[in-house]
Amino acid sequence: MKTQHLITVPELQARLAKDPSTVLICDCRYDLVDSALGLRAYESGHIPGAIYLNLGKVLSGSPSGSNGRHPLPDPERLASDLAALGVNTDTLIVAYDSPGTSYAARLWWCARWVGHAHVVVLDGAMDAWVQAGQPLTTETPAARIAGNFKRAAPLTKHVLYADMRAGLGRTDRLIIDGRPEDRFQGLNETLDPKAGHIPGSLSRFSKHNLVANSCFKSPEALKAEFLSLFGTHSPDQIVASCGSGVSACHLLLAMELAGLKGASLYGGSWSEWCAQPDAPVETGATRPNS
């Protein structure tokens, strides 16, 4: 494969031709405003054999009003859900969505969080499949026999609100925010009740990880761009945030592709932070690195 975290269309075709029973393709399309849009898109046409995996139902826990719009799911429940979908310990999970791939990256992160190492994102998203002349279908595949996957040691890291709050101002931590720059600056907040960002954060819109065809930039390009943000910080001092913990996973995937391992996810992200009545808020452009 292109990397251990991405798969190209030809590589996916080869894997399916060899043994489709060892591959679970997951259509992760979703919309933060219209939560039913992804399922409608799936029903109108998807990669043959793909199941639909809903961000709000499978890859998130229950929002309480103060824990963010898409809190992380219970890890035991997520591991059980994956097994129920037919995931074995050696199953290759292939995640895809529409251009942007943030929802596919959320599955990539969550699967690794519960200890499943064999998970990749389709580089170029669904568009790459279509542009390669491959067919779509409206048929829903038959349910698989439950797999043997069980929760294992996490392959990813995350931090909670209390740790984020306690870490404000620490010189050994750097928060990188994956939302569009206007939302980061507090100029155009349409999803959360408060505008702005966590104090001290730097802005890195997740779509800057991609080239024009929605494929990821080269590892070399990503490494150079991230290191310019990191300054003197090491990868394990980085925390990725965003609106609700989705595009932050895209940042973490890009860092892994760049060989910059060890960064953490703030799962609640801005939607949890801004729901706390006494949490400090900052607006305006990215501050310079120090």
Protein backbone atom coordinates (compact mmCIF):
# COMPACT_ATOMS: atom_id res chain seq x y z
CA MET A 1 0.00 0.00 0.00
CA LYS A 2 1.01 3.62 -0.46
CA THR A 3 1.53 3.88 3.30
CA GLN A 4 0.35 1.82 6.21
CA HIS A 5 -2.49 4.32 6.78
CA LEU A 6 -3.70 4.95 3.21
CA ILE A 7 -4.84 2.68 0.40
CA THR A 8 -5.16 3.57 -3.28
CA VAL A 9 -7.91 2.37 -5.60
CA PRO A 10 -5.63 -0.14 -7.41
CA GLU A 11 -4.42 -1.48 -4.06
CA LEU A 12 -7.98 -1.87 -2.83
CA GLN A 13 -8.96 -3.65 -6.05
CA ALA A 14 -6.04 -6.04 -5.66
CA ARG A 15 -6.94 -6.80 -2.05
CA LEU A 16 -10.58 -7.43 -2.95
CA ALA A 17 -9.56 -9.69 -5.84
CA LYS A 18 -7.33 -11.72 -3.52
CA ASP A 19 -9.81 -12.24 -0.66
CA PRO A 20 -12.79 -9.91 -0.17
CA SER A 21 -13.75 -11.67 3.07
CA THR A 22 -10.72 -10.08 4.78
CA VAL A 23 -11.79 -6.53 3.89
CA LEU A 24 -14.57 -4.42 5.39
CA ILE A 25 -15.24 -1.25 3.38
CA CYS A 26 -16.99 1.47 5.39
CA ASP A 27 -18.77 4.41 3.80
CA CYS A 28 -18.37 7.20 6.35
CA ARG A 29 -20.08 10.07 4.52
CA TYR A 30 -21.82 12.48 6.86
CA ASP A 31 -22.84 16.11 7.20
CA LEU A 32 -22.60 18.12 10.41
CA VAL A 33 -25.77 20.06 9.61
CA ASP A 34 -27.86 17.32 7.97
CA SER A 35 -27.02 14.09 9.82
CA ALA A 36 -29.12 11.98 7.42
CA LEU A 37 -27.31 13.21 4.29
CA GLY A 38 -24.61 10.56 4.43
CA LEU A 39 -27.05 7.68 4.52
CA ARG A 40 -29.01 9.17 1.63
CA ALA A 41 -25.79 9.47 -0.35
CA TYR A 42 -24.91 5.87 0.47
CA GLU A 43 -28.31 4.67 -0.66
CA SER A 44 -27.98 6.55 -3.95
CA GLY A 45 -24.66 4.88 -4.76
CA HIS A 46 -21.64 3.47 -2.94
CA ILE A 47 -18.61 1.26 -3.50
CA PRO A 48 -19.78 -2.35 -3.94
CA GLY A 49 -19.64 -4.30 -0.68
CA ALA A 50 -19.42 -1.18 1.49
CA ILE A 51 -21.50 -0.81 4.62
CA TYR A 52 -22.65 2.55 5.93
CA LEU A 53 -21.06 3.64 9.22
CA ASN A 54 -22.74 6.61 10.87
CA LEU A 55 -20.55 9.13 12.71
CA GLY A 56 -23.27 10.09 15.16
CA LYS A 57 -24.39 6.54 15.99
CA VAL A 58 -21.24 4.41 15.84
CA LEU A 59 -18.23 6.72 16.05
CA SER A 60 -19.64 8.98 18.78
CA GLY A 61 -21.08 8.70 22.25
CA SER A 62 -24.20 10.44 23.52
CA PRO A 63 -23.95 14.24 23.70
CA SER A 64 -25.03 15.67 27.06
CA GLY A 65 -24.93 19.32 26.11
CA SER A 66 -21.59 19.84 27.82
CA ASN A 67 -19.38 17.06 26.40
CA GLY A 68 -19.28 18.20 22.77
CA ARG A 69 -21.30 17.50 19.66
CA HIS A 70 -19.57 14.20 18.92
CA PRO A 71 -18.04 12.88 22.14
CA LEU A 72 -15.90 9.80 21.80
CA PRO A 73 -17.87 6.55 22.01
CA ASP A 74 -17.48 4.10 24.85
CA PRO A 75 -14.47 2.05 23.71
CA GLU A 76 -15.92 -1.30 24.79
CA ARG A 77 -19.12 -0.54 22.89
CA LEU A 78 -17.19 0.53 19.81
CA ALA A 79 -15.09 -2.64 19.84
CA SER A 80 -18.28 -4.69 20.19
CA ASP A 81 -19.91 -2.78 17.33
CA LEU A 82 -16.94 -3.44 15.06
CA ALA A 83 -17.03 -7.15 15.89
CA ALA A 84 -20.77 -7.22 15.18
CA LEU A 85 -20.03 -5.83 11.72
CA GLY A 86 -17.78 -8.81 11.05
CA VAL A 87 -14.41 -7.40 12.07
CA ASN A 88 -11.80 -10.01 12.99
CA THR A 89 -8.39 -9.21 14.42
CA ASP A 90 -6.90 -9.45 10.91
CA THR A 91 -9.70 -7.69 9.00
CA LEU A 92 -8.58 -4.70 6.94
CA ILE A 93 -11.02 -1.85 7.57
CA VAL A 94 -11.11 0.54 4.60
CA ALA A 95 -12.72 3.89 5.40
CA TYR A 96 -13.87 6.34 2.76
CA ASP A 97 -16.15 9.32 2.43
CA SER A 98 -16.64 12.32 0.18
CA PRO A 99 -13.70 14.65 -0.64
CA GLY A 100 -12.18 15.94 2.57
CA THR A 101 -12.02 12.51 4.26
CA SER A 102 -12.46 13.82 7.83
CA TYR A 103 -15.17 11.28 8.68
CA ALA A 104 -13.08 8.42 7.29
CA ALA A 105 -10.18 9.71 9.40
CA ARG A 106 -12.43 9.57 12.48
CA LEU A 107 -12.99 5.84 11.85
CA TRP A 108 -9.25 5.39 11.28
CA TRP A 109 -8.50 7.06 14.64
CA CYS A 110 -11.30 5.32 16.58
CA ALA A 111 -10.46 1.84 15.30
CA ARG A 112 -6.84 2.33 16.33
CA TRP A 113 -8.01 3.74 19.67
CA VAL A 114 -9.64 0.41 20.50
CA GLY A 115 -6.58 -1.49 19.32
CA HIS A 116 -7.34 -2.42 15.72
CA ALA A 117 -4.20 -1.74 13.70
CA HIS A 118 -5.48 -2.85 10.30
CA VAL A 119 -7.38 0.25 9.22
CA VAL A 120 -6.72 2.54 6.25
CA VAL A 121 -8.31 5.50 4.52
CA LEU A 122 -9.03 5.45 0.78
CA ASP A 123 -6.73 8.10 -0.66
CA GLY A 124 -8.69 10.50 -2.85
CA ALA A 125 -11.98 9.52 -1.21
CA MET A 126 -14.92 8.15 -3.18
CA ASP A 127 -14.06 10.45 -6.08
CA ALA A 128 -10.88 8.45 -6.71
CA TRP A 129 -12.96 5.29 -7.10
CA VAL A 130 -15.33 6.94 -9.56
CA GLN A 131 -12.55 8.65 -11.52
CA ALA A 132 -10.84 5.28 -11.90
CA GLY A 133 -13.93 4.09 -13.78
CA GLN A 134 -15.08 1.77 -11.02
CA PRO A 135 -18.77 1.02 -10.51
CA LEU A 136 -21.10 2.10 -7.75
CA THR A 137 -24.07 0.16 -6.46
CA THR A 138 -27.26 0.80 -4.52
CA GLU A 139 -27.31 -2.73 -3.08
CA THR A 140 -26.73 -3.17 0.64
CA PRO A 141 -24.42 -6.12 1.31
CA ALA A 142 -25.61 -9.03 3.40
CA ALA A 143 -24.73 -8.87 7.08
CA ARG A 144 -21.54 -10.68 7.99
CA ILE A 145 -21.04 -13.24 10.70
CA ALA A 146 -19.82 -11.54 13.86
CA GLY A 147 -16.05 -11.27 14.04
CA ASN A 148 -13.63 -12.11 16.83
CA PHE A 149 -12.22 -8.63 17.39
CA LYS A 150 -12.00 -7.52 20.99
CA ARG A 151 -10.77 -4.28 22.47
CA ALA A 152 -7.00 -4.21 22.78
CA ALA A 153 -4.34 -1.73 23.88
CA PRO A 154 -4.91 1.68 22.27
CA LEU A 155 -2.75 2.74 19.33
CA THR A 156 -3.78 6.38 19.66
CA LYS A 157 -3.88 8.90 22.51
CA HIS A 158 -6.49 11.38 23.71
CA VAL A 159 -6.84 14.00 26.42
CA LEU A 160 -9.89 15.12 28.39
CA TYR A 161 -11.20 18.59 29.16
CA ALA A 162 -9.69 18.69 32.65
CA ASP A 163 -6.26 17.94 31.25
CA MET A 164 -6.71 20.53 28.50
CA ARG A 165 -7.72 23.16 31.06
CA ALA A 166 -4.82 22.29 33.35
CA GLY A 167 -2.44 22.42 30.40
CA LEU A 168 -3.20 25.99 29.33
CA GLY A 169 -0.02 28.00 29.14
CA ARG A 170 2.28 25.00 29.48
CA THR A 171 5.40 25.31 27.35
CA ASP A 172 5.43 21.57 26.69
CA ARG A 173 2.05 21.52 24.93
CA LEU A 174 0.82 22.91 21.62
CA ILE A 175 -2.80 22.76 20.43
CA ILE A 176 -3.43 22.68 16.68
CA ASP A 177 -6.98 23.44 15.52
CA GLY A 178 -8.27 21.81 12.31
CA ARG A 179 -11.29 24.06 11.68
CA PRO A 180 -11.44 26.58 8.82
CA GLU A 181 -9.53 29.76 9.62
CA ASP A 182 -12.64 31.94 9.86
CA ARG A 183 -14.17 29.74 12.54
CA PHE A 184 -10.84 29.56 14.37
CA GLN A 185 -10.67 33.35 14.42
CA GLY A 186 -14.27 33.63 15.65
CA LEU A 187 -15.54 35.32 12.50
CA ASN A 188 -18.05 32.77 11.20
CA GLU A 189 -19.26 30.32 13.83
CA THR A 190 -22.34 28.46 12.59
CA LEU A 191 -22.20 25.22 14.59
CA ASP A 192 -21.35 26.11 18.18
CA PRO A 193 -22.83 28.70 20.58
CA LYS A 194 -19.56 30.57 21.10
CA ALA A 195 -16.98 31.73 18.57
CA GLY A 196 -13.22 31.60 18.88
CA HIS A 197 -10.61 29.05 19.89
CA ILE A 198 -8.81 27.58 22.89
CA PRO A 199 -6.21 30.12 24.06
CA GLY A 200 -2.77 29.54 22.62
CA SER A 201 -3.95 27.32 19.75
CA LEU A 202 -2.54 27.45 16.25
CA SER A 203 -4.71 27.15 13.14
CA ARG A 204 -4.18 24.39 10.56
CA PHE A 205 -7.29 23.86 8.41
CA SER A 206 -7.48 20.10 7.82
CA LYS A 207 -8.06 20.53 4.08
CA HIS A 208 -4.53 21.93 3.83
CA ASN A 209 -3.41 18.31 4.23
CA LEU A 210 -4.72 17.54 0.74
CA VAL A 211 -3.92 18.37 -2.86
CA ALA A 212 -6.53 19.37 -5.44
CA ASN A 213 -7.78 15.83 -6.12
CA SER A 214 -8.41 15.20 -2.39
CA CYS A 215 -5.39 12.92 -2.09
CA PHE A 216 -3.03 13.56 0.79
CA LYS A 217 0.09 15.58 0.17
CA SER A 218 3.38 13.71 0.15
CA PRO A 219 4.83 12.71 3.52
CA GLU A 220 7.72 15.09 2.88
CA ALA A 221 5.44 18.06 2.22
CA LEU A 222 3.28 17.29 5.25
CA LYS A 223 6.31 16.92 7.49
CA ALA A 224 7.73 20.28 6.42
CA GLU A 225 4.40 22.05 6.94
CA PHE A 226 3.74 20.53 10.35
CA LEU A 227 7.27 21.11 11.61
CA SER A 228 6.91 24.77 10.70
CA LEU A 229 3.91 24.87 13.07
CA PHE A 230 5.50 22.79 15.81
CA GLY A 231 8.38 25.17 16.37
CA THR A 232 10.41 23.64 19.21
CA HIS A 233 7.66 21.19 20.19
CA SER A 234 8.00 17.46 19.61
CA PRO A 235 5.11 15.45 18.08
CA ASP A 236 4.16 13.91 21.43
CA GLN A 237 3.54 17.42 22.81
CA ILE A 238 0.90 18.17 20.18
CA VAL A 239 -2.85 18.01 20.81
CA ALA A 240 -5.20 18.11 17.81
CA SER A 241 -8.53 19.86 18.24
CA CYS A 242 -11.31 21.10 15.95
CA GLY A 243 -15.06 21.65 16.29
CA SER A 244 -16.16 18.26 17.60
CA GLY A 245 -13.19 15.92 17.28
CA VAL A 246 -13.61 14.95 13.62
CA SER A 247 -11.27 17.03 11.46
CA ALA A 248 -8.75 16.80 14.30
CA CYS A 249 -8.47 13.11 13.39
CA HIS A 250 -7.59 14.23 9.86
CA LEU A 251 -4.71 16.26 11.34
CA LEU A 252 -3.54 13.23 13.30
CA LEU A 253 -3.69 11.02 10.22
CA ALA A 254 -1.64 13.56 8.27
CA MET A 255 0.93 13.71 11.07
CA GLU A 256 1.22 9.92 11.03
CA LEU A 257 1.73 10.00 7.26
CA ALA A 258 4.50 12.53 7.83
CA GLY A 259 6.18 10.24 10.35
CA LEU A 260 5.33 12.60 13.22
CA LYS A 261 3.92 10.12 15.71
CA GLY A 262 2.59 10.50 19.22
CA ALA A 263 0.18 13.46 19.04
CA SER A 264 -3.09 13.32 21.01
CA LEU A 265 -6.73 14.03 20.19
CA TYR A 266 -8.89 16.35 22.26
CA GLY A 267 -12.12 14.48 21.58
CA GLY A 268 -14.51 17.10 22.93
CA SER A 269 -12.72 19.87 21.02
CA TRP A 270 -14.20 23.35 20.70
CA SER A 271 -17.81 22.18 21.08
CA GLU A 272 -17.04 20.84 24.55
CA TRP A 273 -14.66 23.65 25.51
CA CYS A 274 -17.08 26.45 24.68
CA ALA A 275 -19.90 24.69 26.59
CA GLN A 276 -18.03 25.16 29.88
CA PRO A 277 -19.20 28.42 31.47
CA ASP A 278 -15.80 29.49 32.75
CA ALA A 279 -13.55 28.26 29.95
CA PRO A 280 -11.41 31.08 28.53
CA VAL A 281 -11.85 31.97 24.86
CA GLU A 282 -9.48 33.60 22.41
CA THR A 283 -10.32 35.15 19.04
CA GLY A 284 -8.31 36.47 16.16
CA ALA A 285 -5.59 35.06 13.95
CA THR A 286 -2.98 32.48 14.84
CA ARG A 287 -0.35 33.81 17.18
CA PRO A 288 3.28 33.50 16.07
CA ASN A 289 5.27 30.48 17.21
CA SER A 290 7.50 31.13 20.20
